[in-house]
Amino acid sequence: QTHFVSLSLQAKMSRPVQARRLEGTDKNIWVEFVKLAATYSKVNLGQGFPDFPPPDFLKESFVRALSGENHMLHQYTRAFGHPPLVKILAQFFGKLLGRDLDPMTNVMVTVGAYQALFCCFQALVDEGDEVIIIEPFFDCYEPMVKMAGGMPVFVPLRPKAPKDGKLMSSADWQLDPAELASKFSERTKAIVLNSPNNPLGKVFSREELELIADLCVKHDVLCLSDEVYEWLVYDGKEHIRIASLRGMWDRTVIIGSAGKTFSATGWKVGWTVGPNRLLQHLRTVHQNSVYHCATIAQEAVAQGFQRELKLYGKPDSYFVQLPKELQQKRDWLVQSLDAVGMKPIIPEGTYFLVADISKFKSDVPDVPDSDEPYDSRFAKWMVKNKGLAAIPLSAFYSGAHKNNYNHFIRFCFAKEEATLKAANDILQKWKQEKTSP
């Protein structure tokens, strides 16, 4: 007996088990805030997914694929993308980019845009490479760069106050050209561009994209272009694809998402589009990690794109209808927040709207010497005490800049009318409590 106990004590491992590349990447804002929302929220405008259904034609495609005669749809398909899906994506994006795309070499299907990003960083970023990230940024960019051994280099969008007391727009947040140029060096391997941008909803203008493109060409740098919100642009704005600018096709990987395109985030179908010289390395990562994505989901998404190609630019197109609906929801939430004194920044695209909470600070006491950014404490207090879930903007900044932008929170407005109305009721009641003696 004693002999056995002493052996089992010796058998305990004393050396570190964690791989060094995971150091400092274990914290994740979503894990914490999704749990808080699930526990306390009456209304969840936090995480970015619609609570309304995908379009009928897409659900019908899925059901047909599932119950139809072709039982091979229940088996493996081609590892780098189901042939009907890569074919239609090549046609569709070929049309948008004005070039002939080869479905087998210029397109790769991934488990959501999230895996597409992972493949990019793992395939293209080496130990010590610098990757420029524009702040605020979708939070997975930083840990993914670090896990690949890269060094994230941050450059912020800087807000300019609008004139005559107007509400700020996401267009008022801009890159300083000299500051951006100063971040490029011989160590720079890539820049991550996210337009339309999550969390701000900023749609980068042609001028801004040309500035980025010129620097990429000058310094021979890759561009990882996260365009998952490409169809969700408002007020007649245009989404410009940086790969279509001079000198950029050859150095750009475009990342897209059926989840955001067709309001089906749980299907986890994403893709990369780009030149074979880049995509061949992404395929190596994909075949040695995920290898394969769900066949039936790919089949249904392929049918969705076939429909949209026929209806391209026509009023019946889902890509025309969805932004119209979302623009109304955006305007509704803007009015609702403005009426209670949470100053919204009007987004030009995406599901998201960022609001200034300065006027509500009196409700949530400051904690002197706290490491936690103010907006993070505010968002936690709000979900626990008001039942309204949102995400702090500081979650989208690197450590150095977290406290510079700590009086904003992000709301998701891709929600049913009833959800937005319930959020409005909470805000109105809160305002009355603040103003009543």
Protein backbone atom coordinates (compact mmCIF):
# COMPACT_ATOMS: atom_id res chain seq x y z
CA GLN A 1 0.00 0.00 0.00
CA THR A 2 2.65 2.55 1.06
CA HIS A 3 4.81 1.55 -1.89
CA PHE A 4 1.86 2.27 -4.23
CA VAL A 5 1.14 5.71 -2.64
CA SER A 6 4.76 6.81 -2.93
CA LEU A 7 4.79 5.78 -6.61
CA SER A 8 1.64 7.74 -7.36
CA LEU A 9 3.14 10.80 -5.64
CA GLN A 10 6.27 10.46 -7.76
CA ALA A 11 4.12 10.05 -10.87
CA LYS A 12 2.72 13.58 -10.53
CA MET A 13 4.24 15.81 -13.18
CA SER A 14 6.34 18.67 -11.96
CA ARG A 15 7.46 20.15 -15.27
CA PRO A 16 5.25 22.77 -16.98
CA VAL A 17 2.66 21.24 -19.29
CA GLN A 18 1.51 24.35 -21.12
CA ALA A 19 3.09 25.10 -24.51
CA ARG A 20 4.95 28.41 -24.43
CA ARG A 21 2.92 29.75 -27.37
CA LEU A 22 -0.19 29.82 -25.16
CA GLU A 23 1.34 32.16 -22.60
CA GLY A 24 -0.78 35.26 -22.07
CA THR A 25 -3.51 34.12 -24.45
CA ASP A 26 -5.71 32.22 -21.99
CA LYS A 27 -8.08 35.08 -21.12
CA ASN A 28 -11.05 35.52 -23.45
CA ILE A 29 -13.64 38.27 -23.07
CA TRP A 30 -16.40 36.16 -24.64
CA VAL A 31 -16.09 33.30 -22.20
CA GLU A 32 -16.64 35.72 -19.32
CA PHE A 33 -19.35 37.94 -20.84
CA VAL A 34 -21.32 35.11 -22.48
CA LYS A 35 -21.50 33.43 -19.06
CA LEU A 36 -22.63 36.70 -17.40
CA ALA A 37 -25.26 37.26 -20.08
CA ALA A 38 -26.55 33.69 -19.71
CA THR A 39 -26.79 34.13 -15.93
CA TYR A 40 -28.26 37.64 -15.60
CA SER A 41 -29.49 39.15 -18.84
CA LYS A 42 -33.13 39.73 -19.69
CA VAL A 43 -31.99 41.27 -22.97
CA ASN A 44 -28.73 40.23 -24.65
CA LEU A 45 -27.28 42.79 -27.06
CA GLY A 46 -23.78 41.49 -26.33
CA GLN A 47 -22.53 38.71 -28.57
CA GLY A 48 -22.75 39.25 -32.33
CA PHE A 49 -25.38 36.89 -33.66
CA PRO A 50 -28.94 37.45 -34.89
CA ASP A 51 -31.85 36.15 -32.83
CA PHE A 52 -33.98 36.07 -36.01
CA PRO A 53 -33.96 33.10 -38.41
CA PRO A 54 -31.89 32.74 -41.58
CA PRO A 55 -33.88 33.25 -44.82
CA ASP A 56 -36.36 30.51 -45.78
CA PHE A 57 -34.55 29.64 -49.02
CA LEU A 58 -31.40 28.79 -47.03
CA LYS A 59 -33.21 26.62 -44.47
CA GLU A 60 -35.01 24.84 -47.34
CA SER A 61 -31.66 24.16 -49.04
CA PHE A 62 -30.38 22.60 -45.83
CA VAL A 63 -33.46 20.41 -45.42
CA ARG A 64 -33.24 19.32 -49.08
CA ALA A 65 -29.57 18.45 -48.67
CA LEU A 66 -30.34 16.54 -45.48
CA SER A 67 -33.33 14.52 -46.67
CA GLY A 68 -32.66 14.29 -50.41
CA GLU A 69 -31.58 11.34 -52.52
CA ASN A 70 -27.87 12.21 -52.47
CA HIS A 71 -26.76 10.23 -49.42
CA MET A 72 -23.10 11.11 -50.16
CA LEU A 73 -23.83 14.55 -48.66
CA HIS A 74 -23.60 12.77 -45.29
CA GLN A 75 -20.00 11.77 -46.01
CA TYR A 76 -16.68 13.54 -46.45
CA THR A 77 -16.40 15.90 -49.37
CA ARG A 78 -13.24 17.53 -50.77
CA ALA A 79 -11.10 18.68 -47.82
CA PHE A 80 -10.48 22.24 -49.11
CA GLY A 81 -14.12 22.87 -49.95
CA HIS A 82 -17.19 21.08 -51.29
CA PRO A 83 -16.92 21.34 -55.12
CA PRO A 84 -20.32 23.06 -55.68
CA LEU A 85 -19.45 25.65 -53.02
CA VAL A 86 -15.92 26.53 -54.19
CA LYS A 87 -17.26 26.69 -57.76
CA ILE A 88 -20.01 29.22 -56.95
CA LEU A 89 -17.70 31.22 -54.63
CA ALA A 90 -15.14 31.47 -57.45
CA GLN A 91 -17.86 32.67 -59.84
CA PHE A 92 -19.37 35.10 -57.35
CA PHE A 93 -16.14 36.66 -56.11
CA GLY A 94 -14.67 36.57 -59.60
CA LYS A 95 -17.56 38.84 -60.64
CA LEU A 96 -17.02 41.17 -57.65
CA LEU A 97 -13.25 41.38 -58.15
CA GLY A 98 -13.34 41.45 -61.95
CA ARG A 99 -10.99 38.48 -62.41
CA ASP A 100 -11.11 34.78 -63.31
CA LEU A 101 -10.83 32.66 -60.19
CA ASP A 102 -9.95 28.97 -60.11
CA PRO A 103 -12.27 27.23 -57.62
CA MET A 104 -9.61 24.65 -56.76
CA THR A 105 -6.71 27.03 -56.05
CA ASN A 106 -8.19 30.51 -55.34
CA VAL A 107 -10.84 29.46 -52.80
CA MET A 108 -10.66 27.43 -49.58
CA VAL A 109 -13.60 26.66 -47.29
CA THR A 110 -13.03 26.82 -43.51
CA VAL A 111 -14.93 26.21 -40.27
CA GLY A 112 -16.22 29.77 -40.11
CA ALA A 113 -14.16 32.89 -40.73
CA TYR A 114 -12.55 32.20 -37.34
CA GLN A 115 -10.67 29.16 -38.68
CA ALA A 116 -9.84 31.10 -41.85
CA LEU A 117 -8.06 33.67 -39.66
CA PHE A 118 -6.26 30.93 -37.73
CA CYS A 119 -5.04 29.37 -41.00
CA CYS A 120 -3.76 32.78 -42.19
CA PHE A 121 -1.71 33.49 -39.09
CA GLN A 122 -0.35 29.95 -38.79
CA ALA A 123 0.53 29.71 -42.48
CA LEU A 124 1.98 33.16 -43.10
CA VAL A 125 3.40 34.51 -39.82
CA ASP A 126 6.79 33.39 -38.54
CA GLU A 127 8.59 33.70 -35.22
CA GLY A 128 9.39 37.42 -34.75
CA ASP A 129 7.29 38.70 -37.69
CA GLU A 130 5.36 41.89 -36.98
CA VAL A 131 1.65 42.09 -37.81
CA ILE A 132 -0.09 45.48 -37.83
CA ILE A 133 -3.53 45.49 -36.20
CA ILE A 134 -5.86 48.51 -36.42
CA GLU A 135 -7.57 49.32 -33.10
CA PRO A 136 -10.29 48.71 -32.07
CA PHE A 137 -10.02 45.17 -33.45
CA PHE A 138 -11.91 41.89 -33.31
CA ASP A 139 -10.27 40.41 -30.23
CA CYS A 140 -8.96 37.09 -31.64
CA TYR A 141 -6.39 38.79 -33.93
CA GLU A 142 -3.96 39.48 -31.10
CA PRO A 143 -3.80 35.98 -29.49
CA MET A 144 -3.74 34.31 -32.92
CA VAL A 145 -0.74 36.41 -34.00
CA LYS A 146 1.03 35.60 -30.72
CA MET A 147 0.31 31.87 -30.99
CA ALA A 148 1.99 31.92 -34.41
CA GLY A 149 5.07 33.50 -32.78
CA GLY A 150 4.35 36.91 -34.30
CA MET A 151 4.46 40.36 -32.68
CA PRO A 152 1.27 42.42 -32.89
CA VAL A 153 1.88 46.12 -33.61
CA PHE A 154 -1.13 48.34 -32.92
CA VAL A 155 -2.29 51.52 -34.62
CA PRO A 156 -5.50 53.21 -33.41
CA LEU A 157 -8.35 54.80 -35.31
CA ARG A 158 -8.54 58.28 -33.76
CA PRO A 159 -11.95 59.88 -33.21
CA LYS A 160 -12.55 63.44 -34.42
CA ALA A 161 -15.42 65.25 -32.72
CA PRO A 162 -18.25 66.06 -35.15
CA LYS A 163 -19.34 69.68 -35.62
CA ASP A 164 -22.53 71.35 -34.30
CA GLY A 165 -23.41 68.78 -31.64
CA LYS A 166 -24.23 66.13 -34.26
CA LEU A 167 -24.00 62.47 -33.30
CA MET A 168 -20.62 60.97 -34.10
CA SER A 169 -20.36 58.52 -37.00
CA SER A 170 -17.96 55.60 -37.34
CA ALA A 171 -16.50 57.59 -40.30
CA ASP A 172 -15.22 60.12 -37.72
CA TRP A 173 -12.75 57.48 -36.49
CA GLN A 174 -9.74 57.66 -38.79
CA LEU A 175 -6.17 56.49 -39.20
CA ASP A 176 -3.45 59.10 -38.94
CA PRO A 177 -1.50 58.51 -42.21
CA ALA A 178 1.89 59.42 -40.68
CA GLU A 179 1.25 57.23 -37.62
CA LEU A 180 0.20 54.30 -39.82
CA ALA A 181 3.27 54.69 -42.06
CA SER A 182 5.54 54.72 -38.97
CA LYS A 183 4.36 51.20 -38.01
CA PHE A 184 5.70 49.60 -41.22
CA SER A 185 9.28 48.30 -41.16
CA GLU A 186 11.33 45.47 -42.67
CA ARG A 187 9.97 43.24 -39.89
CA THR A 188 6.34 43.82 -40.94
CA LYS A 189 4.88 40.67 -42.52
CA ALA A 190 1.19 41.55 -42.70
CA ILE A 191 -1.53 44.03 -41.82
CA VAL A 192 -5.00 42.90 -40.72
CA LEU A 193 -7.80 44.95 -42.25
CA ASN A 194 -11.38 44.55 -41.02
CA SER A 195 -13.84 46.54 -43.11
CA PRO A 196 -16.66 46.93 -42.25
CA ASN A 197 -15.04 47.01 -38.81
CA ASN A 198 -16.23 45.16 -35.72
CA PRO A 199 -16.81 46.80 -33.15
CA LEU A 200 -17.17 50.35 -34.61
CA GLY A 201 -19.07 49.58 -37.78
CA LYS A 202 -16.58 51.70 -39.74
CA VAL A 203 -16.51 51.17 -43.51
CA PHE A 204 -13.08 52.19 -44.78
CA SER A 205 -13.21 54.70 -47.64
CA ARG A 206 -11.40 54.24 -50.95
CA GLU A 207 -8.89 56.88 -49.86
CA GLU A 208 -8.14 55.04 -46.60
CA LEU A 209 -7.80 51.70 -48.41
CA GLU A 210 -5.44 53.25 -50.98
CA LEU A 211 -3.28 54.56 -48.15
CA ILE A 212 -3.05 51.02 -46.69
CA ALA A 213 -2.52 49.45 -50.14
CA ASP A 214 0.32 51.87 -51.03
CA LEU A 215 2.12 51.02 -47.78
CA CYS A 216 1.64 47.27 -48.37
CA VAL A 217 3.14 47.54 -51.87
CA LYS A 218 5.97 49.84 -50.75
CA HIS A 219 7.02 47.54 -47.88
CA ASP A 220 6.09 44.24 -49.59
CA VAL A 221 3.58 43.36 -46.87
CA LEU A 222 0.62 40.94 -46.94
CA CYS A 223 -2.95 42.06 -46.22
CA LEU A 224 -5.36 39.79 -44.33
CA SER A 225 -8.71 41.31 -45.23
CA ASP A 226 -11.51 40.26 -42.87
CA GLU A 227 -14.66 41.12 -44.85
CA VAL A 228 -17.28 39.08 -43.01
CA TYR A 229 -19.70 42.06 -42.88
CA GLU A 230 -19.26 42.87 -46.60
CA TRP A 231 -23.03 42.92 -47.34
CA LEU A 232 -23.97 44.84 -44.18
CA VAL A 233 -23.34 48.44 -45.22
CA TYR A 234 -25.84 51.27 -44.79
CA ASP A 235 -26.83 54.71 -46.09
CA GLY A 236 -25.82 53.82 -49.66
CA LYS A 237 -22.19 53.31 -48.61
CA GLU A 238 -20.04 51.03 -50.77
CA HIS A 239 -17.90 48.16 -49.50
CA ILE A 240 -14.65 48.36 -51.44
CA ARG A 241 -12.53 45.22 -51.62
CA ILE A 242 -8.86 46.06 -51.05
CA ALA A 243 -7.83 43.09 -53.26
CA SER A 244 -9.29 44.99 -56.23
CA LEU A 245 -6.83 47.90 -55.77
CA ARG A 246 -3.64 48.06 -57.81
CA GLY A 247 -0.92 45.66 -56.67
CA MET A 248 -3.10 44.09 -53.97
CA TRP A 249 -4.58 40.85 -55.40
CA ASP A 250 -1.24 39.11 -55.22
CA ARG A 251 -0.69 39.93 -51.53
CA THR A 252 -4.23 39.73 -50.08
CA VAL A 253 -6.20 36.93 -48.46
CA ILE A 254 -9.94 37.76 -48.34
CA ILE A 255 -11.88 36.19 -45.47
CA GLY A 256 -15.65 35.70 -45.64
CA SER A 257 -18.43 34.13 -43.61
CA ALA A 258 -21.72 32.44 -44.47
CA GLY A 259 -22.72 33.02 -40.85
CA LYS A 260 -22.76 36.79 -41.29
CA THR A 261 -23.78 36.70 -44.98
CA PHE A 262 -26.88 34.51 -44.47
CA SER A 263 -27.60 35.11 -40.73
CA ALA A 264 -26.65 31.52 -39.83
CA THR A 265 -23.70 31.92 -37.48
CA GLY A 266 -24.06 28.41 -36.01
CA TRP A 267 -23.39 26.72 -39.36
CA LYS A 268 -19.73 27.74 -39.15
CA VAL A 269 -19.02 27.95 -42.89
CA GLY A 270 -16.32 30.46 -43.85
CA TRP A 271 -13.88 30.86 -46.71
CA THR A 272 -10.67 32.43 -47.93
CA VAL A 273 -10.22 33.84 -51.43
CA GLY A 274 -6.81 34.79 -52.78
CA PRO A 275 -3.87 33.89 -55.02
CA ASN A 276 -2.69 30.28 -55.00
CA ARG A 277 0.81 31.36 -53.85
CA LEU A 278 -0.78 32.33 -50.49
CA LEU A 279 -3.65 29.84 -50.32
CA GLN A 280 -1.40 26.81 -50.86
CA HIS A 281 0.11 27.48 -47.40
CA LEU A 282 -3.32 27.93 -45.82
CA ARG A 283 -4.28 24.53 -47.25
CA THR A 284 -1.29 22.97 -45.45
CA VAL A 285 -2.50 24.34 -42.09
CA HIS A 286 -6.09 23.33 -42.82
CA GLN A 287 -5.20 19.74 -43.77
CA ASN A 288 -3.16 19.38 -40.57
CA SER A 289 -5.74 20.85 -38.21
CA VAL A 290 -9.42 20.76 -39.10
CA TYR A 291 -9.03 18.95 -42.43
CA HIS A 292 -12.71 19.06 -43.36
CA CYS A 293 -15.89 21.12 -42.86
CA ALA A 294 -19.51 19.87 -42.60
CA THR A 295 -20.62 18.75 -46.07
CA ILE A 296 -24.36 19.46 -45.73
CA ALA A 297 -23.81 23.01 -44.48
CA GLN A 298 -21.49 23.65 -47.45
CA GLU A 299 -24.07 22.24 -49.88
CA ALA A 300 -26.80 24.53 -48.47
CA VAL A 301 -24.53 27.60 -48.58
CA ALA A 302 -23.62 26.76 -52.20
CA GLN A 303 -27.34 26.80 -53.10
CA GLY A 304 -27.77 30.09 -51.24
CA PHE A 305 -25.01 31.67 -53.33
CA GLN A 306 -26.42 30.20 -56.56
CA ARG A 307 -29.71 31.96 -55.81
CA GLU A 308 -27.94 35.22 -54.93
CA LEU A 309 -25.86 35.18 -58.11
CA LYS A 310 -29.07 35.02 -60.19
CA LEU A 311 -30.63 37.84 -58.17
CA TYR A 312 -27.45 39.93 -57.85
CA GLY A 313 -28.33 43.62 -57.36
CA LYS A 314 -32.09 42.97 -57.68
CA PRO A 315 -34.59 43.99 -54.97
CA ASP A 316 -35.38 40.33 -54.13
CA SER A 317 -31.73 39.57 -53.33
CA TYR A 318 -31.13 38.73 -49.67
CA PHE A 319 -27.92 40.77 -49.90
CA VAL A 320 -30.09 43.79 -50.76
CA GLN A 321 -32.89 43.06 -48.26
CA LEU A 322 -30.84 42.26 -45.15
CA PRO A 323 -28.95 45.59 -44.98
CA LYS A 324 -32.25 47.47 -45.43
CA GLU A 325 -33.77 45.64 -42.48
CA LEU A 326 -30.66 46.06 -40.36
CA GLN A 327 -30.42 49.78 -41.17
CA GLN A 328 -33.92 50.23 -39.70
CA LYS A 329 -32.91 48.30 -36.58
CA ARG A 330 -29.74 50.40 -36.31
CA ASP A 331 -31.73 53.65 -36.57
CA TRP A 332 -34.14 52.42 -33.95
CA LEU A 333 -31.37 51.60 -31.47
CA VAL A 334 -29.61 54.91 -32.23
CA GLN A 335 -32.79 56.84 -31.33
CA SER A 336 -33.38 54.70 -28.28
CA LEU A 337 -29.85 55.26 -26.90
CA ASP A 338 -29.76 58.94 -27.83
CA ALA A 339 -33.08 59.54 -26.04
CA VAL A 340 -31.65 58.32 -22.72
CA GLY A 341 -28.28 60.11 -23.10
CA MET A 342 -26.05 57.18 -24.05
CA LYS A 343 -24.39 58.79 -27.05
CA PRO A 344 -24.33 56.34 -29.99
CA ILE A 345 -21.66 56.40 -32.70
CA ILE A 346 -23.65 55.77 -35.87
CA PRO A 347 -22.14 52.73 -37.64
CA GLU A 348 -21.79 52.70 -41.44
CA GLY A 349 -21.91 48.88 -41.46
CA THR A 350 -21.97 45.60 -39.44
CA TYR A 351 -24.29 44.39 -36.66
CA PHE A 352 -22.73 46.67 -34.08
CA LEU A 353 -23.06 50.07 -32.55
CA VAL A 354 -20.75 51.63 -29.99
CA ALA A 355 -22.17 54.09 -27.44
CA ASP A 356 -20.56 56.59 -25.07
CA ILE A 357 -21.59 55.87 -21.46
CA SER A 358 -20.05 59.00 -19.87
CA LYS A 359 -23.46 60.34 -18.72
CA PHE A 360 -24.20 57.10 -16.90
CA LYS A 361 -20.94 56.98 -14.97
CA SER A 362 -22.60 58.30 -11.82
CA ASP A 363 -24.51 55.00 -11.54
CA VAL A 364 -21.42 52.84 -11.41
CA PRO A 365 -18.90 53.88 -8.78
CA ASP A 366 -15.25 54.23 -9.73
CA VAL A 367 -12.83 51.83 -8.04
CA PRO A 368 -9.53 53.65 -7.50
CA ASP A 369 -6.39 51.74 -8.56
CA SER A 370 -8.43 49.05 -10.30
CA ASP A 371 -6.72 47.14 -13.10
CA GLU A 372 -10.04 46.58 -14.79
CA PRO A 373 -11.05 49.21 -17.40
CA TYR A 374 -14.07 51.28 -16.38
CA ASP A 375 -16.31 50.14 -19.27
CA SER A 376 -15.75 46.52 -18.33
CA ARG A 377 -16.96 47.17 -14.76
CA PHE A 378 -19.84 49.20 -16.16
CA ALA A 379 -20.94 46.39 -18.53
CA LYS A 380 -20.80 43.83 -15.69
CA TRP A 381 -22.79 46.13 -13.40
CA MET A 382 -25.34 46.80 -16.16
CA VAL A 383 -26.04 43.13 -16.87
CA LYS A 384 -26.30 42.26 -13.17
CA ASN A 385 -28.40 45.27 -12.13
CA LYS A 386 -30.35 46.16 -15.26
CA GLY A 387 -30.47 42.84 -17.09
CA LEU A 388 -29.03 44.38 -20.28
CA ALA A 389 -25.95 42.71 -21.77
CA ALA A 390 -23.37 44.58 -23.90
CA ILE A 391 -19.61 44.29 -24.45
CA PRO A 392 -17.02 46.85 -23.22
CA LEU A 393 -15.10 48.57 -26.03
CA SER A 394 -11.81 48.18 -24.12
CA ALA A 395 -12.04 44.43 -24.95
CA PHE A 396 -11.17 45.44 -28.53
CA TYR A 397 -7.93 47.23 -27.55
CA SER A 398 -4.46 46.03 -26.66
CA GLY A 399 -3.29 46.31 -23.05
CA ALA A 400 -1.49 49.60 -23.65
CA HIS A 401 -4.58 51.39 -24.95
CA LYS A 402 -7.37 49.74 -22.93
CA ASN A 403 -7.80 52.73 -20.64
CA ASN A 404 -7.81 55.37 -23.41
CA TYR A 405 -11.19 54.21 -24.72
CA ASN A 406 -12.86 52.96 -21.58
CA HIS A 407 -16.12 54.94 -21.64
CA PHE A 408 -17.80 53.10 -24.54
CA ILE A 409 -19.78 49.87 -24.82
CA ARG A 410 -20.76 47.85 -27.89
CA PHE A 411 -24.34 46.77 -28.63
CA CYS A 412 -25.46 44.26 -31.30
CA PHE A 413 -28.63 45.36 -33.14
CA ALA A 414 -29.07 42.26 -35.35
CA LYS A 415 -32.05 41.31 -33.21
CA GLU A 416 -35.83 40.82 -33.41
CA GLU A 417 -37.92 43.97 -32.91
CA ALA A 418 -39.19 42.55 -29.62
CA THR A 419 -35.60 42.24 -28.33
CA LEU A 420 -34.77 45.84 -29.27
CA LYS A 421 -38.05 47.05 -27.73
CA ALA A 422 -37.24 45.23 -24.48
CA ALA A 423 -33.80 46.90 -24.45
CA ASN A 424 -35.47 50.29 -24.99
CA ASP A 425 -37.84 49.64 -22.06
CA ILE A 426 -34.87 48.90 -19.77
CA LEU A 427 -33.08 52.10 -20.88
CA GLN A 428 -36.21 54.29 -20.50
CA LYS A 429 -36.88 52.96 -17.01
CA TRP A 430 -33.24 53.52 -16.08
CA LYS A 431 -33.38 57.10 -17.32
CA GLN A 432 -36.54 57.79 -15.27
CA GLU A 433 -34.84 56.43 -12.16
CA LYS A 434 -31.90 58.76 -12.80
CA THR A 435 -34.04 61.88 -13.28
CA SER A 436 -36.73 61.31 -10.64
CA PRO A 437 -35.97 63.05 -7.31
